[in-house]
Amino acid sequence: SELDDDAETSVETDTAATEKVEKKSTQIAVDQIRALNDFMTLTS
């Protein structure tokens, strides 16, 4: 909910096995942090 409109502004949440609903989140999602794994293991 705080990212610019140009950036990805939604976090996907599963409401059913085959249906995905996108909504703006007010929290940092676990998947956002997990996506940093590769970045954090690299050197500058």
All heavy atoms as atom14 arrays in JSON, in Angstrom:
{
  "sequence": "SELDDDAETSVETDTAATEKVEKKSTQIAVDQIRALNDFMTLTS",
  "atom14_mask": [
    [1, 1, 1, 1, 1, 1, 0, 0, 0, 0, 0, 0, 0, 0],
    [1, 1, 1, 1, 1, 1, 1, 1, 1, 0, 0, 0, 0, 0],
    [1, 1, 1, 1, 1, 1, 1, 1, 0, 0, 0, 0, 0, 0],
    [1, 1, 1, 1, 1, 1, 1, 1, 0, 0, 0, 0, 0, 0],
    [1, 1, 1, 1, 1, 1, 1, 1, 0, 0, 0, 0, 0, 0],
    [1, 1, 1, 1, 1, 1, 1, 1, 0, 0, 0, 0, 0, 0],
    [1, 1, 1, 1, 1, 0, 0, 0, 0, 0, 0, 0, 0, 0],
    [1, 1, 1, 1, 1, 1, 1, 1, 1, 0, 0, 0, 0, 0],
    [1, 1, 1, 1, 1, 1, 1, 0, 0, 0, 0, 0, 0, 0],
    [1, 1, 1, 1, 1, 1, 0, 0, 0, 0, 0, 0, 0, 0],
    [1, 1, 1, 1, 1, 1, 1, 0, 0, 0, 0, 0, 0, 0],
    [1, 1, 1, 1, 1, 1, 1, 1, 1, 0, 0, 0, 0, 0],
    [1, 1, 1, 1, 1, 1, 1, 0, 0, 0, 0, 0, 0, 0],
    [1, 1, 1, 1, 1, 1, 1, 1, 0, 0, 0, 0, 0, 0],
    [1, 1, 1, 1, 1, 1, 1, 0, 0, 0, 0, 0, 0, 0],
    [1, 1, 1, 1, 1, 0, 0, 0, 0, 0, 0, 0, 0, 0],
    [1, 1, 1, 1, 1, 0, 0, 0, 0, 0, 0, 0, 0, 0],
    [1, 1, 1, 1, 1, 1, 1, 0, 0, 0, 0, 0, 0, 0],
    [1, 1, 1, 1, 1, 1, 1, 1, 1, 0, 0, 0, 0, 0],
    [1, 1, 1, 1, 1, 1, 1, 1, 1, 0, 0, 0, 0, 0],
    [1, 1, 1, 1, 1, 1, 1, 0, 0, 0, 0, 0, 0, 0],
    [1, 1, 1, 1, 1, 1, 1, 1, 1, 0, 0, 0, 0, 0],
    [1, 1, 1, 1, 1, 1, 1, 1, 1, 0, 0, 0, 0, 0],
    [1, 1, 1, 1, 1, 1, 1, 1, 1, 0, 0, 0, 0, 0],
    [1, 1, 1, 1, 1, 1, 0, 0, 0, 0, 0, 0, 0, 0],
    [1, 1, 1, 1, 1, 1, 1, 0, 0, 0, 0, 0, 0, 0],
    [1, 1, 1, 1, 1, 1, 1, 1, 1, 0, 0, 0, 0, 0],
    [1, 1, 1, 1, 1, 1, 1, 1, 0, 0, 0, 0, 0, 0],
    [1, 1, 1, 1, 1, 0, 0, 0, 0, 0, 0, 0, 0, 0],
    [1, 1, 1, 1, 1, 1, 1, 0, 0, 0, 0, 0, 0, 0],
    [1, 1, 1, 1, 1, 1, 1, 1, 0, 0, 0, 0, 0, 0],
    [1, 1, 1, 1, 1, 1, 1, 1, 1, 0, 0, 0, 0, 0],
    [1, 1, 1, 1, 1, 1, 1, 1, 0, 0, 0, 0, 0, 0],
    [1, 1, 1, 1, 1, 1, 1, 1, 1, 1, 1, 0, 0, 0],
    [1, 1, 1, 1, 1, 0, 0, 0, 0, 0, 0, 0, 0, 0],
    [1, 1, 1, 1, 1, 1, 1, 1, 0, 0, 0, 0, 0, 0],
    [1, 1, 1, 1, 1, 1, 1, 1, 0, 0, 0, 0, 0, 0],
    [1, 1, 1, 1, 1, 1, 1, 1, 0, 0, 0, 0, 0, 0],
    [1, 1, 1, 1, 1, 1, 1, 1, 1, 1, 1, 0, 0, 0],
    [1, 1, 1, 1, 1, 1, 1, 1, 0, 0, 0, 0, 0, 0],
    [1, 1, 1, 1, 1, 1, 1, 0, 0, 0, 0, 0, 0, 0],
    [1, 1, 1, 1, 1, 1, 1, 1, 0, 0, 0, 0, 0, 0],
    [1, 1, 1, 1, 1, 1, 1, 0, 0, 0, 0, 0, 0, 0],
    [1, 1, 1, 1, 1, 1, 0, 0, 0, 0, 0, 0, 0, 0]
  ],
  "atom14_positions": [
    [[0.81, -1.21, 0.0], [0.0, 0.0, 0.0], [0.85, 1.27, 0.0], [0.35, 2.34, -0.29], [-0.93, 0.01, 1.21], [-0.17, 0.02, 2.41], [0.0, 0.0, 0.0], [0.0, 0.0, 0.0], [0.0, 0.0, 0.0], [0.0, 0.0, 0.0], [0.0, 0.0, 0.0], [0.0, 0.0, 0.0], [0.0, 0.0, 0.0], [0.0, 0.0, 0.0]],
    [[2.15, 1.16, 0.3], [3.01, 2.34, 0.36], [3.93, 2.46, -0.85], [4.64, 3.45, -0.98], [3.85, 2.32, 1.64], [3.0, 2.47, 2.87], [3.82, 2.5, 4.14], [5.03, 2.78, 4.06], [3.26, 2.24, 5.21], [0.0, 0.0, 0.0], [0.0, 0.0, 0.0], [0.0, 0.0, 0.0], [0.0, 0.0, 0.0], [0.0, 0.0, 0.0]],
    [[3.94, 1.47, -1.72], [4.8, 1.53, -2.89], [4.22, 2.48, -3.93], [3.01, 2.7, -3.98], [4.96, 0.14, -3.51], [5.71, -0.88, -2.66], [5.68, -2.24, -3.32], [7.13, -0.45, -2.41], [0.0, 0.0, 0.0], [0.0, 0.0, 0.0], [0.0, 0.0, 0.0], [0.0, 0.0, 0.0], [0.0, 0.0, 0.0], [0.0, 0.0, 0.0]],
    [[5.08, 3.01, -4.79], [4.62, 3.89, -5.87], [3.7, 3.12, -6.8], [3.77, 1.9, -6.91], [5.8, 4.41, -6.68], [6.67, 5.36, -5.88], [6.18, 5.97, -4.92], [7.84, 5.48, -6.23], [0.0, 0.0, 0.0], [0.0, 0.0, 0.0], [0.0, 0.0, 0.0], [0.0, 0.0, 0.0], [0.0, 0.0, 0.0], [0.0, 0.0, 0.0]],
    [[2.86, 3.84, -7.53], [1.96, 3.21, -8.49], [2.72, 2.52, -9.61], [2.22, 1.59, -10.22], [1.01, 4.25, -9.1], [0.01, 4.74, -8.07], [-0.28, 4.0, -7.11], [-0.48, 5.87, -8.23], [0.0, 0.0, 0.0], [0.0, 0.0, 0.0], [0.0, 0.0, 0.0], [0.0, 0.0, 0.0], [0.0, 0.0, 0.0], [0.0, 0.0, 0.0]],
    [[3.96, 2.95, -9.88], [4.76, 2.34, -10.94], [5.29, 0.97, -10.53], [5.57, 0.13, -11.37], [5.95, 3.23, -11.3], [5.51, 4.54, -11.91], [4.37, 4.6, -12.43], [6.28, 5.49, -11.86], [0.0, 0.0, 0.0], [0.0, 0.0, 0.0], [0.0, 0.0, 0.0], [0.0, 0.0, 0.0], [0.0, 0.0, 0.0], [0.0, 0.0, 0.0]],
    [[5.4, 0.75, -9.24], [5.94, -0.52, -8.75], [4.8, -1.5, -8.56], [3.64, -1.17, -8.73], [6.65, -0.3, -7.42], [0.0, 0.0, 0.0], [0.0, 0.0, 0.0], [0.0, 0.0, 0.0], [0.0, 0.0, 0.0], [0.0, 0.0, 0.0], [0.0, 0.0, 0.0], [0.0, 0.0, 0.0], [0.0, 0.0, 0.0], [0.0, 0.0, 0.0]],
    [[5.15, -2.72, -8.2], [4.11, -3.71, -7.93], [3.39, -3.25, -6.67], [4.0, -3.05, -5.64], [4.74, -5.08, -7.7], [5.33, -5.67, -8.96], [5.89, -7.05, -8.71], [5.37, -7.77, -7.84], [6.86, -7.4, -9.37], [0.0, 0.0, 0.0], [0.0, 0.0, 0.0], [0.0, 0.0, 0.0], [0.0, 0.0, 0.0], [0.0, 0.0, 0.0]],
    [[2.08, -3.11, -6.76], [1.34, -2.57, -5.63], [0.36, -3.54, -5.01], [-0.47, -3.16, -4.22], [0.55, -1.31, -6.06], [-0.32, -1.67, -7.12], [1.48, -0.2, -6.49], [0.0, 0.0, 0.0], [0.0, 0.0, 0.0], [0.0, 0.0, 0.0], [0.0, 0.0, 0.0], [0.0, 0.0, 0.0], [0.0, 0.0, 0.0], [0.0, 0.0, 0.0]],
    [[0.47, -4.78, -5.35], [-0.46, -5.72, -4.74], [0.26, -6.99, -4.32], [1.28, -7.36, -4.88], [-1.59, -6.07, -5.71], [-1.07, -6.67, -6.85], [0.0, 0.0, 0.0], [0.0, 0.0, 0.0], [0.0, 0.0, 0.0], [0.0, 0.0, 0.0], [0.0, 0.0, 0.0], [0.0, 0.0, 0.0], [0.0, 0.0, 0.0], [0.0, 0.0, 0.0]],
    [[-0.29, -7.61, -3.34], [0.21, -8.89, -2.86], [-0.89, -9.9, -3.11], [-2.04, -9.66, -2.76], [0.54, -8.82, -1.35], [0.95, -10.18, -0.84], [1.61, -7.79, -1.1], [0.0, 0.0, 0.0], [0.0, 0.0, 0.0], [0.0, 0.0, 0.0], [0.0, 0.0, 0.0], [0.0, 0.0, 0.0], [0.0, 0.0, 0.0], [0.0, 0.0, 0.0]],
    [[-0.55, -11.0, -3.73], [-1.57, -12.0, -4.03], [-1.88, -12.81, -2.78], [-0.99, -13.21, -2.05], [-1.09, -12.92, -5.14], [-0.99, -12.22, -6.48], [-0.62, -13.18, -7.58], [-0.45, -14.39, -7.31], [-0.5, -12.73, -8.72], [0.0, 0.0, 0.0], [0.0, 0.0, 0.0], [0.0, 0.0, 0.0], [0.0, 0.0, 0.0], [0.0, 0.0, 0.0]],
    [[-3.14, -13.04, -2.54], [-3.57, -13.9, -1.45], [-4.51, -14.94, -2.02], [-5.38, -14.64, -2.82], [-4.29, -13.09, -0.35], [-5.4, -12.42, -0.94], [-3.36, -12.08, 0.3], [0.0, 0.0, 0.0], [0.0, 0.0, 0.0], [0.0, 0.0, 0.0], [0.0, 0.0, 0.0], [0.0, 0.0, 0.0], [0.0, 0.0, 0.0], [0.0, 0.0, 0.0]],
    [[-4.33, -16.19, -1.59], [-5.19, -17.27, -2.08], [-6.5, -17.27, -1.31], [-6.51, -17.34, -0.09], [-4.51, -18.63, -1.92], [-3.37, -18.81, -2.89], [-3.44, -18.21, -3.97], [-2.43, -19.55, -2.56], [0.0, 0.0, 0.0], [0.0, 0.0, 0.0], [0.0, 0.0, 0.0], [0.0, 0.0, 0.0], [0.0, 0.0, 0.0], [0.0, 0.0, 0.0]],
    [[-7.6, -17.19, -2.02], [-8.91, -17.31, -1.38], [-9.52, -18.67, -1.68], [-10.42, -19.08, -1.0], [-9.87, -16.21, -1.87], [-9.99, -16.29, -3.28], [-9.36, -14.84, -1.46], [0.0, 0.0, 0.0], [0.0, 0.0, 0.0], [0.0, 0.0, 0.0], [0.0, 0.0, 0.0], [0.0, 0.0, 0.0], [0.0, 0.0, 0.0], [0.0, 0.0, 0.0]],
    [[-9.01, -19.33, -2.69], [-9.43, -20.69, -3.03], [-8.26, -21.3, -3.78], [-7.33, -20.62, -4.17], [-10.68, -20.68, -3.89], [0.0, 0.0, 0.0], [0.0, 0.0, 0.0], [0.0, 0.0, 0.0], [0.0, 0.0, 0.0], [0.0, 0.0, 0.0], [0.0, 0.0, 0.0], [0.0, 0.0, 0.0], [0.0, 0.0, 0.0], [0.0, 0.0, 0.0]],
    [[-8.3, -22.6, -3.97], [-7.19, -23.28, -4.62], [-6.95, -22.76, -6.03], [-5.81, -22.7, -6.49], [-7.45, -24.78, -4.65], [0.0, 0.0, 0.0], [0.0, 0.0, 0.0], [0.0, 0.0, 0.0], [0.0, 0.0, 0.0], [0.0, 0.0, 0.0], [0.0, 0.0, 0.0], [0.0, 0.0, 0.0], [0.0, 0.0, 0.0], [0.0, 0.0, 0.0]],
    [[-7.98, -22.39, -6.74], [-7.82, -21.96, -8.13], [-8.06, -20.47, -8.33], [-7.85, -19.96, -9.42], [-8.8, -22.72, -9.03], [-10.12, -22.49, -8.58], [-8.5, -24.21, -9.01], [0.0, 0.0, 0.0], [0.0, 0.0, 0.0], [0.0, 0.0, 0.0], [0.0, 0.0, 0.0], [0.0, 0.0, 0.0], [0.0, 0.0, 0.0], [0.0, 0.0, 0.0]],
    [[-8.5, -19.77, -7.3], [-8.83, -18.36, -7.45], [-7.86, -17.5, -6.66], [-7.59, -17.78, -5.51], [-10.26, -18.12, -6.95], [-10.69, -16.68, -7.05], [-12.09, -16.48, -6.48], [-12.75, -17.47, -6.14], [-12.48, -15.33, -6.35], [0.0, 0.0, 0.0], [0.0, 0.0, 0.0], [0.0, 0.0, 0.0], [0.0, 0.0, 0.0], [0.0, 0.0, 0.0]],
    [[-7.32, -16.47, -7.3], [-6.43, -15.55, -6.63], [-7.04, -14.17, -6.66], [-7.52, -13.73, -7.69], [-5.05, -15.54, -7.28], [-4.29, -16.82, -7.05], [-2.89, -16.69, -7.52], [-2.13, -17.97, -7.22], [-0.75, -17.9, -7.59], [0.0, 0.0, 0.0], [0.0, 0.0, 0.0], [0.0, 0.0, 0.0], [0.0, 0.0, 0.0], [0.0, 0.0, 0.0]],
    [[-6.98, -13.51, -5.55], [-7.51, -12.16, -5.45], [-6.35, -11.25, -5.07], [-5.58, -11.58, -4.18], [-8.62, -12.08, -4.39], [-9.09, -10.64, -4.2], [-9.76, -13.0, -4.75], [0.0, 0.0, 0.0], [0.0, 0.0, 0.0], [0.0, 0.0, 0.0], [0.0, 0.0, 0.0], [0.0, 0.0, 0.0], [0.0, 0.0, 0.0], [0.0, 0.0, 0.0]],
    [[-6.24, -10.13, -5.75], [-5.18, -9.18, -5.43], [-5.75, -8.08, -4.55], [-6.83, -7.58, -4.82], [-4.59, -8.59, -6.7], [-3.82, -9.59, -7.51], [-3.1, -8.95, -8.67], [-3.05, -7.71, -8.73], [-2.58, -9.68, -9.5], [0.0, 0.0, 0.0], [0.0, 0.0, 0.0], [0.0, 0.0, 0.0], [0.0, 0.0, 0.0], [0.0, 0.0, 0.0]],
    [[-5.01, -7.73, -3.5], [-5.43, -6.62, -2.66], [-4.19, -5.92, -2.13], [-3.13, -6.51, -2.01], [-6.32, -7.08, -1.52], [-5.61, -7.86, -0.43], [-6.55, -8.14, 0.71], [-5.75, -8.65, 1.9], [-6.6, -8.82, 3.07], [0.0, 0.0, 0.0], [0.0, 0.0, 0.0], [0.0, 0.0, 0.0], [0.0, 0.0, 0.0], [0.0, 0.0, 0.0]],
    [[-4.36, -4.64, -1.83], [-3.25, -3.89, -1.27], [-3.08, -4.28, 0.18], [-4.05, -4.37, 0.93], [-3.5, -2.39, -1.4], [-3.4, -1.9, -2.83], [-3.47, -0.41, -2.88], [-3.26, 0.04, -4.32], [-3.22, 1.49, -4.42], [0.0, 0.0, 0.0], [0.0, 0.0, 0.0], [0.0, 0.0, 0.0], [0.0, 0.0, 0.0], [0.0, 0.0, 0.0]],
    [[-1.85, -4.49, 0.58], [-1.55, -4.89, 1.94], [-0.91, -3.74, 2.69], [-0.18, -2.93, 2.12], [-0.6, -6.08, 1.92], [-0.19, -6.4, 3.23], [0.0, 0.0, 0.0], [0.0, 0.0, 0.0], [0.0, 0.0, 0.0], [0.0, 0.0, 0.0], [0.0, 0.0, 0.0], [0.0, 0.0, 0.0], [0.0, 0.0, 0.0], [0.0, 0.0, 0.0]],
    [[-1.15, -3.68, 3.97], [-0.51, -2.68, 4.81], [0.67, -3.27, 5.57], [1.25, -2.6, 6.41], [-1.52, -2.09, 5.83], [-2.03, -3.16, 6.62], [-2.66, -1.38, 5.11], [0.0, 0.0, 0.0], [0.0, 0.0, 0.0], [0.0, 0.0, 0.0], [0.0, 0.0, 0.0], [0.0, 0.0, 0.0], [0.0, 0.0, 0.0], [0.0, 0.0, 0.0]],
    [[1.02, -4.51, 5.26], [2.13, -5.17, 5.92], [3.14, -5.65, 4.89], [2.81, -5.89, 3.74], [1.63, -6.37, 6.72], [0.67, -5.99, 7.82], [0.18, -7.21, 8.58], [0.5, -8.35, 8.25], [-0.63, -6.97, 9.59], [0.0, 0.0, 0.0], [0.0, 0.0, 0.0], [0.0, 0.0, 0.0], [0.0, 0.0, 0.0], [0.0, 0.0, 0.0]],
    [[4.37, -5.79, 5.34], [5.41, -6.38, 4.49], [5.16, -7.88, 4.48], [5.07, -8.52, 5.53], [6.82, -6.05, 5.02], [7.06, -4.55, 4.93], [7.88, -6.84, 4.26], [8.34, -4.09, 5.58], [0.0, 0.0, 0.0], [0.0, 0.0, 0.0], [0.0, 0.0, 0.0], [0.0, 0.0, 0.0], [0.0, 0.0, 0.0], [0.0, 0.0, 0.0]],
    [[5.02, -8.44, 3.3], [4.7, -9.86, 3.17], [5.94, -10.73, 3.34], [7.06, -10.32, 3.0], [4.07, -10.13, 1.8], [0.0, 0.0, 0.0], [0.0, 0.0, 0.0], [0.0, 0.0, 0.0], [0.0, 0.0, 0.0], [0.0, 0.0, 0.0], [0.0, 0.0, 0.0], [0.0, 0.0, 0.0], [0.0, 0.0, 0.0], [0.0, 0.0, 0.0]],
    [[5.75, -11.92, 3.83], [6.84, -12.87, 4.01], [7.52, -13.14, 2.67], [8.75, -13.23, 2.59], [6.33, -14.19, 4.64], [7.41, -15.25, 4.67], [5.8, -13.93, 6.04], [0.0, 0.0, 0.0], [0.0, 0.0, 0.0], [0.0, 0.0, 0.0], [0.0, 0.0, 0.0], [0.0, 0.0, 0.0], [0.0, 0.0, 0.0], [0.0, 0.0, 0.0]],
    [[6.74, -13.25, 1.61], [7.31, -13.5, 0.28], [8.23, -12.37, -0.18], [9.18, -12.61, -0.91], [6.2, -13.73, -0.74], [5.51, -15.07, -0.55], [6.12, -15.96, 0.08], [4.37, -15.22, -1.01], [0.0, 0.0, 0.0], [0.0, 0.0, 0.0], [0.0, 0.0, 0.0], [0.0, 0.0, 0.0], [0.0, 0.0, 0.0], [0.0, 0.0, 0.0]],
    [[7.94, -11.14, 0.24], [8.82, -10.02, -0.1], [10.2, -10.23, 0.54], [11.22, -9.95, -0.09], [8.24, -8.69, 0.39], [7.05, -8.2, -0.39], [6.49, -6.93, 0.22], [5.79, -6.98, 1.22], [6.82, -5.81, -0.38], [0.0, 0.0, 0.0], [0.0, 0.0, 0.0], [0.0, 0.0, 0.0], [0.0, 0.0, 0.0], [0.0, 0.0, 0.0]],
    [[10.22, -10.71, 1.75], [11.49, -10.94, 2.45], [12.19, -12.16, 1.87], [13.4, -12.16, 1.66], [11.26, -11.09, 3.96], [10.57, -9.85, 4.54], [12.57, -11.38, 4.68], [11.28, -8.54, 4.27], [0.0, 0.0, 0.0], [0.0, 0.0, 0.0], [0.0, 0.0, 0.0], [0.0, 0.0, 0.0], [0.0, 0.0, 0.0], [0.0, 0.0, 0.0]],
    [[11.45, -13.2, 1.58], [12.05, -14.4, 0.98], [12.68, -14.08, -0.37], [13.69, -14.68, -0.74], [11.0, -15.49, 0.82], [10.61, -16.13, 2.12], [9.62, -17.25, 1.92], [9.24, -17.81, 3.21], [8.05, -18.24, 3.5], [7.09, -18.25, 2.59], [7.78, -18.72, 4.69], [0.0, 0.0, 0.0], [0.0, 0.0, 0.0], [0.0, 0.0, 0.0]],
    [[12.1, -13.15, -1.1], [12.64, -12.77, -2.41], [14.02, -12.11, -2.28], [14.76, -12.02, -3.26], [11.68, -11.84, -3.13], [0.0, 0.0, 0.0], [0.0, 0.0, 0.0], [0.0, 0.0, 0.0], [0.0, 0.0, 0.0], [0.0, 0.0, 0.0], [0.0, 0.0, 0.0], [0.0, 0.0, 0.0], [0.0, 0.0, 0.0], [0.0, 0.0, 0.0]],
    [[14.37, -11.68, -1.1], [15.68, -11.06, -0.88], [16.8, -12.07, -0.65], [17.97, -11.69, -0.62], [15.63, -10.13, 0.34], [14.82, -8.86, 0.2], [14.8, -8.11, 1.51], [15.4, -8.0, -0.89], [0.0, 0.0, 0.0], [0.0, 0.0, 0.0], [0.0, 0.0, 0.0], [0.0, 0.0, 0.0], [0.0, 0.0, 0.0], [0.0, 0.0, 0.0]],
    [[16.47, -13.34, -0.49], [17.48, -14.36, -0.19], [18.66, -14.32, -1.16], [19.81, -14.27, -0.74], [16.87, -15.76, -0.19], [16.47, -16.2, 1.19], [16.84, -15.59, 2.19], [15.72, -17.27, 1.25], [0.0, 0.0, 0.0], [0.0, 0.0, 0.0], [0.0, 0.0, 0.0], [0.0, 0.0, 0.0], [0.0, 0.0, 0.0], [0.0, 0.0, 0.0]],
    [[18.39, -14.38, -2.44], [19.48, -14.37, -3.42], [20.26, -13.07, -3.36], [21.48, -13.07, -3.43], [18.92, -14.58, -4.84], [18.38, -15.97, -5.04], [18.8, -16.89, -4.32], [17.53, -16.14, -5.93], [0.0, 0.0, 0.0], [0.0, 0.0, 0.0], [0.0, 0.0, 0.0], [0.0, 0.0, 0.0], [0.0, 0.0, 0.0], [0.0, 0.0, 0.0]],
    [[19.57, -11.97, -3.22], [20.22, -10.67, -3.15], [21.16, -10.58, -1.95], [22.27, -10.07, -2.04], [19.17, -9.55, -3.08], [19.74, -8.19, -2.86], [20.42, -7.53, -3.88], [19.58, -7.54, -1.64], [20.94, -6.27, -3.68], [20.09, -6.28, -1.45], [20.79, -5.64, -2.46], [0.0, 0.0, 0.0], [0.0, 0.0, 0.0], [0.0, 0.0, 0.0]],
    [[20.72, -11.08, -0.81], [21.52, -10.97, 0.42], [22.75, -11.87, 0.42], [23.69, -11.62, 1.16], [20.65, -11.3, 1.63], [19.5, -10.31, 1.84], [20.05, -8.61, 2.03], [20.94, -8.71, 3.55], [0.0, 0.0, 0.0], [0.0, 0.0, 0.0], [0.0, 0.0, 0.0], [0.0, 0.0, 0.0], [0.0, 0.0, 0.0], [0.0, 0.0, 0.0]],
    [[22.79, -12.9, -0.41], [23.95, -13.78, -0.44], [25.02, -13.3, -1.42], [26.09, -13.89, -1.47], [23.53, -15.22, -0.79], [22.89, -15.22, -2.06], [22.59, -15.79, 0.26], [0.0, 0.0, 0.0], [0.0, 0.0, 0.0], [0.0, 0.0, 0.0], [0.0, 0.0, 0.0], [0.0, 0.0, 0.0], [0.0, 0.0, 0.0], [0.0, 0.0, 0.0]],
    [[24.71, -12.27, -2.17], [25.68, -11.73, -3.1], [26.57, -10.69, -2.43], [26.16, -10.04, -1.48], [24.96, -11.06, -4.29], [24.09, -11.94, -5.15], [23.34, -11.09, -6.17], [24.91, -13.0, -5.84], [0.0, 0.0, 0.0], [0.0, 0.0, 0.0], [0.0, 0.0, 0.0], [0.0, 0.0, 0.0], [0.0, 0.0, 0.0], [0.0, 0.0, 0.0]],
    [[27.77, -10.51, -2.97], [28.62, -9.42, -2.5], [28.22, -8.14, -3.25], [27.52, -8.19, -4.25], [30.11, -9.71, -2.74], [30.31, -9.92, -4.14], [30.56, -10.93, -1.96], [0.0, 0.0, 0.0], [0.0, 0.0, 0.0], [0.0, 0.0, 0.0], [0.0, 0.0, 0.0], [0.0, 0.0, 0.0], [0.0, 0.0, 0.0], [0.0, 0.0, 0.0]],
    [[28.7, -7.04, -2.78], [28.38, -5.75, -3.4], [28.88, -5.73, -4.84], [29.94, -6.26, -5.16], [29.07, -4.63, -2.61], [28.88, -3.41, -3.26], [0.0, 0.0, 0.0], [0.0, 0.0, 0.0], [0.0, 0.0, 0.0], [0.0, 0.0, 0.0], [0.0, 0.0, 0.0], [0.0, 0.0, 0.0], [0.0, 0.0, 0.0], [0.0, 0.0, 0.0]]
  ]
}
